Structure formats: structure tokens, C-alpha cells
């Protein structure tokens, strides 16, 4: 069994929760959302970096027994790699306390940001930054990682707030001393509000084309620096070069070679939904996974 880091309480109050019960479907969604948020935040606390794919995270999130105080669950975070954790007991205890504050602060920063609660966002953000610095991570890296959680984990936040306003009146992850706040129905509505599509600026992307339709000018590709190596993205090639025989795109596809392209990303909920490829970019030296910093 991996070493336990700390425990964080998930608390639901009001409506059904006051009778020590809660809608099981909504609770299932909520716990899964909380697990994804806590897993990403825990990975930041341990490594200082953002991680989205659950199988690649440096922590595991386990469930403790439910408690009848309104309705409570205990989330238990464990380290996957004990070598990442200090060995001396005194240092380890301090690191556990700091990591608990960091994780609680990060999760509540994300929930407050998505829920339009600026005051609570500022409080949780300060708690998280201070705790991350105590663990040896830079404030800048910590903030960048927190913003990536806010961008990439909106679906998890929406899942966590599923019971609010229906089977419970408020929900909370963690202690108020660590930056946690009560999520009510207006906050849930803000978190669940539809997010508009966003079009990014022209940038260079290193892609590996796995499917190419020269007639419809569409493709599927892998990004060089992505969390899930098995995931494929959709692309649309607007470059007129695609209509010429033996062009750079078809050669890269035939030879299974990486190609640098210029394109604008269409984002949905912060995630790449489609890339509009306008031109070939100057080739770049790509590092193998083991060589990445």
C-alpha cells in the first residue's frame, strides 16, 4: 500500500443531506468529479506540474467510510511513488500539512473561479501558493498549473456540484482554514453555465497525422506534447497546398513523420476541439519523451 498523505472531507449539507441521505446518482457524479479535481491538485502538490490523465498522476484518491454528519465522505490521498516524499518523519509531517493546504486551496480556487466567486478565489489561491512554496515549488509554476486545472477540469467541477440545489443545499471540499468555501445553488449554476467556443491565435503545432482525407481536407492527428498519447484530434487543412500531388501533408502521413504546422485552435471548455491548419511551419527539433524536462 502506498504511503497515505492526508485526508480531506467532502461535506454535503441541507435538503436530503440533513436526513443523512443523498441521491445516489448525483452522489456518484459528485464523488467522481471530486476525485478528478483532487487527483490533479495532488499531482501539482507532489510534482509542481499539471497532470490530467488519471493513470499518469503521482497520487491516488481513495474513499473512506461515509459519515452521518449531514452527509460526509473522506477522500484519502496516497502517493504512488514513495521516493517523491521526504523520508525524515518531522519533514514528512510538515510536507503532508503543506500538501493538504495546497490541494484544498487549488481545488477551491478552481471551483471559485468557475463559479464566479472572486473573493473566495483570491483566498484559496493565496493558501495554495503559500503551501506550494513551502513544498519547494515556485509561485509562478504553481499558478500556471492551477490555471490549467481550471481550464481542463470544468467537467469535473460540474460533476462535483451535481447534488447542489437538488439533494443538498451546499457542498464543500476540505476545511475553511485551508481555503474551502460552501458551494450553493447560484455557484453551481455559474459552474454549469455553457462556455462559448474560443478561437486561439495562430501558433506552431507539431503533429503526427494518422488519417488524411485529401478530398474533404480533413485529418486526425496526435500532438507531440500531449497527456494521452492515444488521443487523436480533428484537423481541417485550409492550406491550398493540400490539393497538389505529393504535398508535405501527404508525405508526412505516408512516411509516418512528425510535421510542424501553423494553425488556429478551436477550443471548447479549454480543450482543443479542432485545429485549422493554414501552412507548413519551419521544422523543429523534437525531444523524445525521456528527454523532456
Protein backbone atom coordinates (compact mmCIF):
# COMPACT_ATOMS: atom_id res chain seq x y z
CA UNK A 1 0.00 0.00 0.00
CA UNK A 2 1.31 3.45 -0.91
CA UNK A 3 2.01 5.92 1.94
CA UNK A 4 -1.00 7.99 2.96
CA UNK A 5 -0.54 11.74 2.55
CA UNK A 6 -3.63 13.18 4.18
CA UNK A 7 -7.42 13.11 4.31
CA UNK A 8 -9.88 15.71 3.03
CA UNK A 9 -13.58 15.77 3.93
CA UNK A 10 -16.29 16.09 1.28
CA UNK A 11 -19.33 17.52 3.06
CA UNK A 12 -22.92 17.91 1.84
CA UNK A 13 -25.49 19.82 3.90
CA UNK A 14 -29.19 20.74 3.64
CA UNK A 15 -32.22 19.09 1.98
CA UNK A 16 -31.80 15.28 1.84
CA UNK A 17 -28.33 15.52 3.39
CA UNK A 18 -29.81 16.80 6.65
CA UNK A 19 -31.57 13.43 6.94
CA UNK A 20 -28.21 11.67 6.43
CA UNK A 21 -29.09 10.59 2.89
CA UNK A 22 -28.41 11.85 -0.62
CA UNK A 23 -29.42 10.97 -4.18
CA UNK A 24 -27.15 8.10 -5.20
CA UNK A 25 -26.83 9.03 -8.89
CA UNK A 26 -25.93 12.62 -8.04
CA UNK A 27 -23.55 11.48 -5.31
CA UNK A 28 -21.79 9.16 -7.75
CA UNK A 29 -21.23 12.03 -10.18
CA UNK A 30 -20.07 14.29 -7.36
CA UNK A 31 -17.53 11.83 -5.98
CA UNK A 32 -16.07 11.16 -9.44
CA UNK A 33 -15.75 14.90 -10.06
CA UNK A 34 -14.09 15.41 -6.68
CA UNK A 35 -11.67 12.55 -7.36
CA UNK A 36 -10.53 14.11 -10.64
CA UNK A 37 -10.10 17.54 -9.06
CA UNK A 38 -8.24 16.16 -6.04
CA UNK A 39 -6.07 13.93 -8.23
CA UNK A 40 -4.95 16.83 -10.44
CA UNK A 41 -4.37 19.08 -7.41
CA UNK A 42 -2.47 16.34 -5.58
CA UNK A 43 -0.21 15.81 -8.58
CA UNK A 44 0.62 19.53 -8.56
CA UNK A 45 1.40 19.42 -4.83
CA UNK A 46 3.79 16.48 -5.25
CA UNK A 47 5.43 17.37 -8.59
CA UNK A 48 4.71 21.07 -9.14
CA UNK A 49 3.24 20.23 -12.55
CA UNK A 50 -0.25 19.84 -14.01
CA UNK A 51 -1.48 16.36 -14.88
CA UNK A 52 -4.88 15.43 -16.26
CA UNK A 53 -4.79 11.74 -17.19
CA UNK A 54 -5.62 9.75 -14.04
CA UNK A 55 -3.29 6.84 -14.85
CA UNK A 56 -0.31 9.23 -15.06
CA UNK A 57 -0.88 11.04 -11.76
CA UNK A 58 1.54 10.71 -8.85
CA UNK A 59 -1.30 10.31 -6.31
CA UNK A 60 -4.28 8.02 -5.84
CA UNK A 61 -7.58 9.22 -4.38
CA UNK A 62 -9.33 6.62 -2.22
CA UNK A 63 -12.69 6.83 -0.43
CA UNK A 64 -13.00 6.41 3.31
CA UNK A 65 -16.27 5.46 5.07
CA UNK A 66 -19.28 7.79 4.85
CA UNK A 67 -20.27 9.70 7.99
CA UNK A 68 -23.74 10.80 9.10
CA UNK A 69 -22.71 14.41 9.95
CA UNK A 70 -25.23 15.72 7.42
CA UNK A 71 -23.52 13.64 4.72
CA UNK A 72 -19.73 13.29 4.59
CA UNK A 73 -17.13 11.33 2.71
CA UNK A 74 -13.43 11.22 3.42
CA UNK A 75 -11.08 11.39 0.44
CA UNK A 76 -7.75 9.74 1.24
CA UNK A 77 -4.77 10.73 -0.93
CA UNK A 78 -1.82 8.34 -1.28
CA UNK A 79 1.49 8.78 -3.09
CA UNK A 80 2.04 6.41 -5.99
CA UNK A 81 5.82 6.87 -5.80
CA UNK A 82 7.12 6.96 -2.18
CA UNK A 83 10.51 8.15 -3.48
CA UNK A 84 8.94 11.55 -4.18
CA UNK A 85 8.17 12.02 -0.48
CA UNK A 86 10.58 13.07 2.32
CA UNK A 87 11.86 10.22 4.50
CA UNK A 88 12.50 12.08 7.78
CA UNK A 89 9.32 11.98 9.95
CA UNK A 90 9.41 15.65 11.01
CA UNK A 91 9.92 16.87 7.44
CA UNK A 92 7.34 14.40 6.14
CA UNK A 93 4.72 15.64 8.61
CA UNK A 94 5.32 19.26 7.59
CA UNK A 95 5.14 18.29 3.93
CA UNK A 96 1.85 16.45 4.49
CA UNK A 97 0.30 19.51 6.15
CA UNK A 98 1.53 21.80 3.38
CA UNK A 99 0.32 19.42 0.66
CA UNK A 100 -3.12 19.21 2.27
CA UNK A 101 -3.39 23.00 2.26
CA UNK A 102 -2.11 23.14 -1.33
CA UNK A 103 -4.60 20.56 -2.60
CA UNK A 104 -7.55 22.12 -0.77
CA UNK A 105 -6.55 25.59 -1.95
CA UNK A 106 -6.11 24.51 -5.58
CA UNK A 107 -9.45 22.67 -5.74
CA UNK A 108 -11.34 25.55 -4.16
CA UNK A 109 -9.53 28.10 -6.34
CA UNK A 110 -10.80 26.21 -9.38
CA UNK A 111 -14.36 25.92 -8.04
CA UNK A 112 -14.44 29.60 -7.04
CA UNK A 113 -13.01 30.75 -10.37
CA UNK A 114 -15.53 28.73 -12.38
CA UNK A 115 -18.32 29.76 -10.01
CA UNK A 116 -17.61 33.49 -10.21
CA UNK A 117 -16.68 33.78 -6.52
CA UNK A 118 -13.72 36.17 -6.78
CA UNK A 119 -13.28 36.75 -3.05
CA UNK A 120 -13.15 33.04 -2.31
CA UNK A 121 -10.90 32.51 -5.34
CA UNK A 122 -8.36 35.02 -4.00
CA UNK A 123 -8.37 33.42 -0.54
CA UNK A 124 -7.97 29.87 -1.86
CA UNK A 125 -5.30 30.99 -4.34
CA UNK A 126 -3.19 32.58 -1.61
CA UNK A 127 -3.46 29.46 0.56
CA UNK A 128 -2.40 27.27 -2.36
CA UNK A 129 0.51 29.48 -3.44
CA UNK A 130 1.93 29.72 0.08
CA UNK A 131 1.64 25.97 0.62
CA UNK A 132 3.23 25.17 -2.76
CA UNK A 133 6.16 27.49 -1.96
CA UNK A 134 6.62 25.68 1.38
CA UNK A 135 6.93 22.47 -0.63
CA UNK A 136 9.65 23.98 -2.82
CA UNK A 137 7.56 24.84 -5.89
CA UNK A 138 7.74 28.29 -7.46
CA UNK A 139 4.71 30.59 -7.22
CA UNK A 140 4.69 31.12 -10.98
CA UNK A 141 4.70 27.40 -11.79
CA UNK A 142 2.02 26.82 -9.18
CA UNK A 143 -0.27 29.49 -10.62
CA UNK A 144 0.21 28.20 -14.17
CA UNK A 145 -0.66 24.68 -13.03
CA UNK A 146 -3.73 25.92 -11.13
CA UNK A 147 -4.97 27.77 -14.22
CA UNK A 148 -4.56 24.60 -16.27
CA UNK A 149 -6.74 22.73 -13.78
CA UNK A 150 -9.37 25.48 -14.04
CA UNK A 151 -9.24 25.24 -17.83
CA UNK A 152 -9.09 21.49 -18.19
CA UNK A 153 -11.25 20.25 -15.31
CA UNK A 154 -14.51 22.18 -15.78
CA UNK A 155 -16.34 18.86 -16.49
CA UNK A 156 -15.04 17.52 -13.16
CA UNK A 157 -16.24 20.66 -11.37
CA UNK A 158 -19.66 20.30 -12.97
CA UNK A 159 -19.83 16.69 -11.84
CA UNK A 160 -18.90 17.56 -8.26
CA UNK A 161 -21.72 20.13 -7.88
CA UNK A 162 -24.39 17.77 -9.31
CA UNK A 163 -26.29 17.30 -5.99
CA UNK A 164 -26.29 21.02 -5.03
CA UNK A 165 -29.78 22.51 -5.13
CA UNK A 166 -31.38 19.09 -5.65
CA UNK A 167 -30.34 16.65 -2.93
CA UNK A 168 -28.26 19.03 -0.81
CA UNK A 169 -28.21 22.78 -0.35
CA UNK A 170 -24.44 23.23 -0.16
CA UNK A 171 -21.29 21.17 -0.77
CA UNK A 172 -17.69 21.68 0.30
CA UNK A 173 -14.30 20.07 -0.26
CA UNK A 174 -11.93 20.50 2.68
CA UNK A 175 -11.64 22.83 5.64
CA UNK A 176 -12.34 26.57 5.62
CA UNK A 177 -8.93 27.07 7.27
CA UNK A 178 -7.35 25.70 4.08
CA UNK A 179 -9.35 27.91 1.72
CA UNK A 180 -12.51 25.81 1.30
CA UNK A 181 -15.87 27.55 0.82
CA UNK A 182 -19.51 26.47 0.63
CA UNK A 183 -20.85 25.90 -2.88
CA UNK A 184 -24.51 26.89 -3.15
CA UNK A 185 -27.05 26.79 -5.99
CA UNK A 186 -26.02 30.13 -7.60
CA UNK A 187 -22.39 28.93 -7.61
CA UNK A 188 -23.46 25.63 -9.16
CA UNK A 189 -25.40 27.48 -11.87
CA UNK A 190 -22.32 29.55 -12.70
CA UNK A 191 -20.11 26.45 -12.88
CA UNK A 192 -22.62 24.71 -15.17
CA UNK A 193 -23.15 27.72 -17.46
CA UNK A 194 -22.29 26.86 -21.08
CA UNK A 195 -18.88 28.08 -22.16
CA UNK A 196 -18.51 29.70 -25.57
CA UNK A 197 -16.14 28.30 -28.15
CA UNK A 198 -12.80 30.08 -28.20
CA UNK A 199 -10.52 30.55 -31.20
CA UNK A 200 -6.83 30.82 -30.37
CA UNK A 201 -4.10 32.79 -32.11
CA UNK A 202 -2.02 31.32 -34.92
CA UNK A 203 0.66 29.09 -33.39
CA UNK A 204 3.02 26.28 -34.33
CA UNK A 205 1.93 22.70 -33.62
CA UNK A 206 3.97 19.53 -34.03
CA UNK A 207 1.60 16.83 -35.26
CA UNK A 208 1.66 13.22 -36.43
CA UNK A 209 -1.10 12.66 -38.99
CA UNK A 210 -2.85 9.29 -38.59
CA UNK A 211 -5.74 9.89 -41.03
CA UNK A 212 -5.86 12.17 -44.07
CA UNK A 213 -8.82 12.88 -46.34
CA UNK A 214 -7.44 14.94 -49.25
CA UNK A 215 -10.91 15.35 -50.77
CA UNK A 216 -12.53 16.88 -47.68
CA UNK A 217 -9.26 18.46 -46.47
CA UNK A 218 -9.66 16.89 -43.02
CA UNK A 219 -7.29 14.87 -40.87
CA UNK A 220 -6.80 13.25 -37.50
CA UNK A 221 -3.54 13.72 -35.68
CA UNK A 222 -1.55 13.27 -32.49
CA UNK A 223 0.05 16.25 -30.76
CA UNK A 224 3.70 15.81 -29.81
CA UNK A 225 3.30 17.23 -26.28
CA UNK A 226 0.02 15.76 -25.08
CA UNK A 227 -1.03 13.97 -21.88
CA UNK A 228 -2.72 10.98 -23.56
CA UNK A 229 -0.58 9.52 -26.39
CA UNK A 230 -3.57 7.51 -27.69
CA UNK A 231 -5.86 10.51 -28.14
CA UNK A 232 -6.40 11.86 -31.68
CA UNK A 233 -7.52 15.38 -32.55
CA UNK A 234 -9.51 16.59 -35.54
CA UNK A 235 -7.93 18.95 -38.05
CA UNK A 236 -9.04 20.87 -41.13
CA UNK A 237 -6.38 21.86 -43.67
CA UNK A 238 -7.16 25.25 -45.24
CA UNK A 239 -3.74 25.44 -46.93
CA UNK A 240 -4.25 25.20 -50.77
CA UNK A 241 -1.13 23.04 -50.86
CA UNK A 242 -3.30 20.07 -49.84
CA UNK A 243 -4.73 19.94 -53.39
CA UNK A 244 -1.33 19.36 -55.00
CA UNK A 245 0.08 15.85 -55.52
CA UNK A 246 2.80 14.60 -53.20
CA UNK A 247 2.42 17.58 -50.87
CA UNK A 248 4.07 17.97 -47.45
CA UNK A 249 0.98 16.76 -45.58
CA UNK A 250 0.57 13.59 -47.63
CA UNK A 251 4.31 12.85 -47.44
CA UNK A 252 4.28 13.21 -43.64
CA UNK A 253 1.25 10.91 -43.49
CA UNK A 254 2.77 8.29 -45.83
CA UNK A 255 6.12 8.31 -44.03
CA UNK A 256 4.60 8.49 -40.51
CA UNK A 257 6.71 11.53 -39.76
CA UNK A 258 6.11 14.46 -37.42
CA UNK A 259 5.41 17.74 -39.20
CA UNK A 260 5.36 21.30 -37.86
CA UNK A 261 2.30 23.27 -38.98
CA UNK A 262 0.79 26.69 -38.41
CA UNK A 263 -2.80 26.69 -37.24
CA UNK A 264 -5.55 28.21 -35.13
CA UNK A 265 -7.11 26.04 -32.43
CA UNK A 266 -10.82 25.96 -31.74
CA UNK A 267 -11.22 25.35 -28.02
CA UNK A 268 -14.25 24.11 -26.13
CA UNK A 269 -14.12 24.30 -22.35
CA UNK A 270 -10.41 24.94 -22.67
CA UNK A 271 -9.77 21.74 -24.62
CA UNK A 272 -8.62 21.54 -28.25
CA UNK A 273 -11.67 20.60 -30.32
CA UNK A 274 -10.38 21.28 -33.84
CA UNK A 275 -7.21 22.67 -35.42
CA UNK A 276 -7.42 24.77 -38.58
CA UNK A 277 -4.10 24.24 -40.37
CA UNK A 278 -3.09 27.09 -42.66
CA UNK A 279 0.54 26.41 -43.58
CA UNK A 280 3.69 24.38 -43.06
CA UNK A 281 5.95 25.77 -40.31
CA UNK A 282 9.76 25.59 -40.15
CA UNK A 283 10.77 22.16 -38.76
CA UNK A 284 11.87 21.97 -35.13
CA UNK A 285 13.98 19.53 -33.15
CA UNK A 286 11.62 17.36 -31.11
CA UNK A 287 12.73 15.73 -27.89
CA UNK A 288 11.91 12.12 -27.19
CA UNK A 289 9.64 11.61 -24.14
CA UNK A 290 12.57 10.56 -21.94
CA UNK A 291 14.47 13.73 -22.84
CA UNK A 292 11.70 16.16 -21.95
CA UNK A 293 12.33 18.36 -18.94
